């Protein structure tokens, strides 16, 4: 869920990346997850950087790199 298409795409891509990293981390032992407040602050920090990868992904698609 997000407030814009770039934010939704950003979150969807990094959801998969983070799930893979979490799976690998779980093989090493217990994980200390973020608190609700830490997660909120992390999301706010990430959201200010959404447009940079969005522009990169758009350019890569335009060049046929994701076709």
PDB file of N, CA and C in Angstrom:
ATOM      1  N   UNK A   1       0.840  -1.173   0.000  1.00  0.00           N
ATOM      2  CA  UNK A   1       0.000   0.000   0.000  1.00  0.00           C
ATOM      3  C   UNK A   1       0.882   1.231   0.000  1.00  0.00           C
ATOM      4  N   UNK A   2       0.423   2.271  -0.640  1.00  0.00           N
ATOM      5  CA  UNK A   2       1.184   3.503  -0.706  1.00  0.00           C
ATOM      6  C   UNK A   2       0.306   4.648  -1.169  1.00  0.00           C
ATOM      7  N   UNK A   3       0.912   5.820  -1.206  1.00  0.00           N
ATOM      8  CA  UNK A   3       0.148   7.007  -1.586  1.00  0.00           C
ATOM      9  C   UNK A   3       0.385   7.415  -3.039  1.00  0.00           C
ATOM     10  N   UNK A   4       1.316   6.730  -3.711  1.00  0.00           N
ATOM     11  CA  UNK A   4       1.594   7.035  -5.108  1.00  0.00           C
ATOM     12  C   UNK A   4       2.100   5.775  -5.803  1.00  0.00           C
ATOM     13  N   UNK A   5       2.043   5.771  -7.119  1.00  0.00           N
ATOM     14  CA  UNK A   5       2.550   4.632  -7.871  1.00  0.00           C
ATOM     15  C   UNK A   5       4.042   4.416  -7.628  1.00  0.00           C
ATOM     16  N   UNK A   6       4.877   5.459  -7.658  1.00  0.00           N
ATOM     17  CA  UNK A   6       6.295   5.229  -7.370  1.00  0.00           C
ATOM     18  C   UNK A   6       6.526   4.606  -5.985  1.00  0.00           C
ATOM     19  N   UNK A   7       5.777   5.041  -4.996  1.00  0.00           N
ATOM     20  CA  UNK A   7       5.937   4.490  -3.651  1.00  0.00           C
ATOM     21  C   UNK A   7       5.498   3.023  -3.608  1.00  0.00           C
ATOM     22  N   UNK A   8       4.408   2.685  -4.270  1.00  0.00           N
ATOM     23  CA  UNK A   8       3.918   1.306  -4.291  1.00  0.00           C
ATOM     24  C   UNK A   8       4.936   0.397  -4.971  1.00  0.00           C
ATOM     25  N   UNK A   9       5.482   0.827  -6.094  1.00  0.00           N
ATOM     26  CA  UNK A   9       6.469   0.018  -6.809  1.00  0.00           C
ATOM     27  C   UNK A   9       7.726  -0.143  -5.959  1.00  0.00           C
ATOM     28  N   UNK A  10       8.200   0.941  -5.363  1.00  0.00           N
ATOM     29  CA  UNK A  10       9.379   0.904  -4.485  1.00  0.00           C
ATOM     30  C   UNK A  10       9.175  -0.113  -3.368  1.00  0.00           C
ATOM     31  N   UNK A  11       8.039  -0.036  -2.711  1.00  0.00           N
ATOM     32  CA  UNK A  11       7.759  -0.948  -1.597  1.00  0.00           C
ATOM     33  C   UNK A  11       7.633  -2.389  -2.065  1.00  0.00           C
ATOM     34  N   UNK A  12       7.023  -2.604  -3.224  1.00  0.00           N
ATOM     35  CA  UNK A  12       6.866  -3.966  -3.741  1.00  0.00           C
ATOM     36  C   UNK A  12       8.220  -4.591  -4.059  1.00  0.00           C
ATOM     37  N   UNK A  13       9.084  -3.821  -4.696  1.00  0.00           N
ATOM     38  CA  UNK A  13      10.410  -4.339  -5.038  1.00  0.00           C
ATOM     39  C   UNK A  13      11.202  -4.652  -3.777  1.00  0.00           C
ATOM     40  N   UNK A  14      11.203  -3.733  -2.836  1.00  0.00           N
ATOM     41  CA  UNK A  14      12.000  -3.950  -1.629  1.00  0.00           C
ATOM     42  C   UNK A  14      11.345  -4.917  -0.649  1.00  0.00           C
ATOM     43  N   UNK A  15      10.059  -5.176  -0.801  1.00  0.00           N
ATOM     44  CA  UNK A  15       9.418  -6.221  -0.002  1.00  0.00           C
ATOM     45  C   UNK A  15      10.050  -7.570  -0.333  1.00  0.00           C
ATOM     46  N   UNK A  16      10.221  -7.833  -1.618  1.00  0.00           N
ATOM     47  CA  UNK A  16      10.842  -9.093  -2.045  1.00  0.00           C
ATOM     48  C   UNK A  16      12.299  -9.161  -1.593  1.00  0.00           C
ATOM     49  N   UNK A  17      13.036  -8.082  -1.767  1.00  0.00           N
ATOM     50  CA  UNK A  17      14.445  -8.046  -1.355  1.00  0.00           C
ATOM     51  C   UNK A  17      14.558  -8.284   0.149  1.00  0.00           C
ATOM     52  N   UNK A  18      13.756  -7.580   0.918  1.00  0.00           N
ATOM     53  CA  UNK A  18      13.825  -7.705   2.377  1.00  0.00           C
ATOM     54  C   UNK A  18      13.382  -9.087   2.851  1.00  0.00           C
ATOM     55  N   UNK A  19      12.408  -9.688   2.182  1.00  0.00           N
ATOM     56  CA  UNK A  19      11.971 -11.038   2.550  1.00  0.00           C
ATOM     57  C   UNK A  19      13.103 -12.038   2.334  1.00  0.00           C
ATOM     58  N   UNK A  20      13.819 -11.886   1.236  1.00  0.00           N
ATOM     59  CA  UNK A  20      14.951 -12.772   0.961  1.00  0.00           C
ATOM     60  C   UNK A  20      16.042 -12.594   2.015  1.00  0.00           C
ATOM     61  N   UNK A  21      16.346 -11.347   2.361  1.00  0.00           N
ATOM     62  CA  UNK A  21      17.358 -11.083   3.382  1.00  0.00           C
ATOM     63  C   UNK A  21      16.932 -11.608   4.751  1.00  0.00           C
ATOM     64  N   UNK A  22      15.659 -11.453   5.074  1.00  0.00           N
ATOM     65  CA  UNK A  22      15.161 -11.964   6.353  1.00  0.00           C
ATOM     66  C   UNK A  22      15.270 -13.481   6.398  1.00  0.00           C
ATOM     67  N   UNK A  23      14.941 -14.137   5.307  1.00  0.00           N
ATOM     68  CA  UNK A  23      15.037 -15.589   5.254  1.00  0.00           C
ATOM     69  C   UNK A  23      16.474 -16.046   5.498  1.00  0.00           C
ATOM     70  N   UNK A  24      17.419 -15.370   4.877  1.00  0.00           N
ATOM     71  CA  UNK A  24      18.834 -15.708   5.074  1.00  0.00           C
ATOM     72  C   UNK A  24      19.270 -15.416   6.508  1.00  0.00           C
ATOM     73  N   UNK A  25      18.820 -14.308   7.061  1.00  0.00           N
ATOM     74  CA  UNK A  25      19.189 -13.945   8.435  1.00  0.00           C
ATOM     75  C   UNK A  25      18.641 -14.950   9.440  1.00  0.00           C
ATOM     76  N   UNK A  26      17.446 -15.467   9.182  1.00  0.00           N
ATOM     77  CA  UNK A  26      16.833 -16.434  10.095  1.00  0.00           C
ATOM     78  C   UNK A  26      17.644 -17.726  10.173  1.00  0.00           C
ATOM     79  N   UNK A  27      18.382 -18.040   9.121  1.00  0.00           N
ATOM     80  CA  UNK A  27      19.236 -19.225   9.133  1.00  0.00           C
ATOM     81  C   UNK A  27      20.409 -19.054  10.099  1.00  0.00           C
ATOM     82  N   UNK A  28      20.744 -17.803  10.399  1.00  0.00           N
ATOM     83  CA  UNK A  28      21.877 -17.512  11.277  1.00  0.00           C
ATOM     84  C   UNK A  28      21.492 -17.436  12.749  1.00  0.00           C
ATOM     85  N   UNK A  29      20.204 -17.327  13.029  1.00  0.00           N
ATOM     86  CA  UNK A  29      19.759 -17.248  14.416  1.00  0.00           C
ATOM     87  C   UNK A  29      18.565 -16.324  14.560  1.00  0.00           C
ATOM     88  N   UNK A  30      18.324 -15.910  15.806  1.00  0.00           N
ATOM     89  CA  UNK A  30      17.153 -15.058  16.070  1.00  0.00           C
ATOM     90  C   UNK A  30      17.358 -13.662  15.501  1.00  0.00           C
ATOM     91  N   UNK A  31      16.240 -13.036  15.223  1.00  0.00           N
ATOM     92  CA  UNK A  31      16.246 -11.699  14.616  1.00  0.00           C
ATOM     93  C   UNK A  31      15.592 -10.720  15.578  1.00  0.00           C
ATOM     94  N   UNK A  32      16.165  -9.565  15.709  1.00  0.00           N
ATOM     95  CA  UNK A  32      15.552  -8.482  16.475  1.00  0.00           C
ATOM     96  C   UNK A  32      14.838  -7.571  15.478  1.00  0.00           C
ATOM     97  N   UNK A  33      13.525  -7.690  15.412  1.00  0.00           N
ATOM     98  CA  UNK A  33      12.743  -6.900  14.473  1.00  0.00           C
ATOM     99  C   UNK A  33      12.606  -5.459  14.960  1.00  0.00           C
ATOM    100  N   UNK A  34      12.315  -4.569  14.027  1.00  0.00           N
ATOM    101  CA  UNK A  34      12.074  -3.172  14.372  1.00  0.00           C
ATOM    102  C   UNK A  34      10.808  -3.046  15.211  1.00  0.00           C
ATOM    103  N   UNK A  35      10.819  -2.083  16.105  1.00  0.00           N
ATOM    104  CA  UNK A  35       9.591  -1.759  16.822  1.00  0.00           C
ATOM    105  C   UNK A  35       8.675  -0.999  15.866  1.00  0.00           C
ATOM    106  N   UNK A  36       7.442  -0.794  16.248  1.00  0.00           N
ATOM    107  CA  UNK A  36       6.501  -0.039  15.405  1.00  0.00           C
ATOM    108  C   UNK A  36       7.024   1.363  15.122  1.00  0.00           C
ATOM    109  N   UNK A  37       7.583   1.997  16.122  1.00  0.00           N
ATOM    110  CA  UNK A  37       8.122   3.351  15.947  1.00  0.00           C
ATOM    111  C   UNK A  37       9.349   3.333  15.031  1.00  0.00           C
ATOM    112  N   UNK A  38      10.228   2.364  15.205  1.00  0.00           N
ATOM    113  CA  UNK A  38      11.397   2.253  14.332  1.00  0.00           C
ATOM    114  C   UNK A  38      10.975   2.002  12.889  1.00  0.00           C
ATOM    115  N   UNK A  39       9.970   1.166  12.696  1.00  0.00           N
ATOM    116  CA  UNK A  39       9.462   0.879  11.352  1.00  0.00           C
ATOM    117  C   UNK A  39       8.849   2.134  10.725  1.00  0.00           C
ATOM    118  N   UNK A  40       8.117   2.892  11.506  1.00  0.00           N
ATOM    119  CA  UNK A  40       7.517   4.140  11.002  1.00  0.00           C
ATOM    120  C   UNK A  40       8.596   5.119  10.568  1.00  0.00           C
ATOM    121  N   UNK A  41       9.624   5.277  11.395  1.00  0.00           N
ATOM    122  CA  UNK A  41      10.718   6.194  11.068  1.00  0.00           C
ATOM    123  C   UNK A  41      11.510   5.717   9.851  1.00  0.00           C
ATOM    124  N   UNK A  42      11.716   4.413   9.759  1.00  0.00           N
ATOM    125  CA  UNK A  42      12.426   3.859   8.602  1.00  0.00           C
ATOM    126  C   UNK A  42      11.625   4.095   7.320  1.00  0.00           C
ATOM    127  N   UNK A  43      10.318   3.883   7.380  1.00  0.00           N
ATOM    128  CA  UNK A  43       9.464   4.103   6.208  1.00  0.00           C
ATOM    129  C   UNK A  43       9.502   5.569   5.783  1.00  0.00           C
ATOM    130  N   UNK A  44       9.445   6.465   6.754  1.00  0.00           N
ATOM    131  CA  UNK A  44       9.495   7.894   6.439  1.00  0.00           C
ATOM    132  C   UNK A  44      10.827   8.249   5.792  1.00  0.00           C
ATOM    133  N   UNK A  45      11.904   7.674   6.296  1.00  0.00           N
ATOM    134  CA  UNK A  45      13.224   7.926   5.709  1.00  0.00           C
ATOM    135  C   UNK A  45      13.323   7.378   4.294  1.00  0.00           C
ATOM    136  N   UNK A  46      12.773   6.194   4.070  1.00  0.00           N
ATOM    137  CA  UNK A  46      12.794   5.599   2.730  1.00  0.00           C
ATOM    138  C   UNK A  46      11.931   6.384   1.752  1.00  0.00           C
ATOM    139  N   UNK A  47      10.799   6.875   2.224  1.00  0.00           N
ATOM    140  CA  UNK A  47       9.845   7.543   1.339  1.00  0.00           C
ATOM    141  C   UNK A  47      10.400   8.810   0.702  1.00  0.00           C
ATOM    142  N   UNK A  48      11.377   9.436   1.322  1.00  0.00           N
ATOM    143  CA  UNK A  48      11.942  10.645   0.708  1.00  0.00           C
ATOM    144  C   UNK A  48      12.872  10.316  -0.454  1.00  0.00           C
ATOM    145  N   UNK A  49      13.209   9.030  -0.605  1.00  0.00           N
ATOM    146  CA  UNK A  49      14.116   8.605  -1.670  1.00  0.00           C
ATOM    147  C   UNK A  49      13.427   7.802  -2.766  1.00  0.00           C
ATOM    148  N   UNK A  50      12.114   7.757  -2.776  1.00  0.00           N
ATOM    149  CA  UNK A  50      11.355   6.923  -3.708  1.00  0.00           C
ATOM    150  C   UNK A  50      11.550   7.349  -5.163  1.00  0.00           C
ATOM    151  N   UNK A  51      11.626   8.622  -5.433  1.00  0.00           N
ATOM    152  CA  UNK A  51      11.649   9.080  -6.821  1.00  0.00           C
ATOM    153  C   UNK A  51      12.951   8.772  -7.543  1.00  0.00           C
ATOM    154  N   UNK A  52      14.054   8.682  -6.833  1.00  0.00           N
ATOM    155  CA  UNK A  52      15.326   8.395  -7.504  1.00  0.00           C
ATOM    156  C   UNK A  52      15.314   7.003  -8.149  1.00  0.00           C
ATOM    157  N   UNK A  53      15.013   5.937  -7.404  1.00  0.00           N
ATOM    158  CA  UNK A  53      14.950   4.629  -8.082  1.00  0.00           C
ATOM    159  C   UNK A  53      13.808   4.556  -9.085  1.00  0.00           C
ATOM    160  N   UNK A  54      12.708   5.247  -8.821  1.00  0.00           N
ATOM    161  CA  UNK A  54      11.581   5.262  -9.761  1.00  0.00           C
ATOM    162  C   UNK A  54      12.042   5.759 -11.131  1.00  0.00           C
ATOM    163  N   UNK A  55      12.801   6.848 -11.152  1.00  0.00           N
ATOM    164  CA  UNK A  55      13.297   7.392 -12.423  1.00  0.00           C
ATOM    165  C   UNK A  55      14.259   6.405 -13.089  1.00  0.00           C
ATOM    166  N   UNK A  56      15.091   5.740 -12.312  1.00  0.00           N
ATOM    167  CA  UNK A  56      16.003   4.738 -12.855  1.00  0.00           C
ATOM    168  C   UNK A  56      15.219   3.596 -13.487  1.00  0.00           C
ATOM    169  N   UNK A  57      14.237   3.071 -12.758  1.00  0.00           N
ATOM    170  CA  UNK A  57      13.436   1.962 -13.276  1.00  0.00           C
ATOM    171  C   UNK A  57      12.687   2.366 -14.545  1.00  0.00           C
ATOM    172  N   UNK A  58      12.142   3.573 -14.578  1.00  0.00           N
ATOM    173  CA  UNK A  58      11.442   4.049 -15.780  1.00  0.00           C
ATOM    174  C   UNK A  58      12.390   4.102 -16.965  1.00  0.00           C
ATOM    175  N   UNK A  59      13.606   4.612 -16.736  1.00  0.00           N
ATOM    176  CA  UNK A  59      14.588   4.690 -17.819  1.00  0.00           C
ATOM    177  C   UNK A  59      15.004   3.305 -18.299  1.00  0.00           C
ATOM    178  N   UNK A  60      15.173   2.369 -17.381  1.00  0.00           N
ATOM    179  CA  UNK A  60      15.547   1.006 -17.761  1.00  0.00           C
ATOM    180  C   UNK A  60      14.434   0.336 -18.571  1.00  0.00           C
ATOM    181  N   UNK A  61      13.201   0.567 -18.181  1.00  0.00           N
ATOM    182  CA  UNK A  61      12.073   0.012 -18.931  1.00  0.00           C
ATOM    183  C   UNK A  61      12.021   0.629 -20.324  1.00  0.00           C
ATOM    184  N   UNK A  62      12.230   1.943 -20.414  1.00  0.00           N
ATOM    185  CA  UNK A  62      12.210   2.617 -21.706  1.00  0.00           C
ATOM    186  C   UNK A  62      13.301   2.084 -22.627  1.00  0.00           C
ATOM    187  N   UNK A  63      14.425   1.656 -22.058  1.00  0.00           N
ATOM    188  CA  UNK A  63      15.526   1.102 -22.849  1.00  0.00           C
ATOM    189  C   UNK A  63      15.358  -0.390 -23.113  1.00  0.00           C
ATOM    190  N   UNK A  64      14.276  -0.985 -22.587  1.00  0.00           N
ATOM    191  CA  UNK A  64      13.999  -2.393 -22.809  1.00  0.00           C
ATOM    192  C   UNK A  64      14.757  -3.340 -21.907  1.00  0.00           C
ATOM    193  N   UNK A  65      15.298  -2.853 -20.811  1.00  0.00           N
ATOM    194  CA  UNK A  65      16.098  -3.710 -19.923  1.00  0.00           C
ATOM    195  C   UNK A  65      15.239  -4.644 -19.072  1.00  0.00           C
ATOM    196  N   UNK A  66      13.943  -4.365 -18.939  1.00  0.00           N
ATOM    197  CA  UNK A  66      13.070  -5.227 -18.156  1.00  0.00           C
ATOM    198  C   UNK A  66      12.071  -5.970 -19.029  1.00  0.00           C
ATOM    199  N   UNK A  67      12.262  -5.903 -20.311  1.00  0.00           N
ATOM    200  CA  UNK A  67      11.307  -6.516 -21.248  1.00  0.00           C
ATOM    201  C   UNK A  67      11.352  -8.023 -21.184  1.00  0.00           C
TER     202      UNK A  67
END
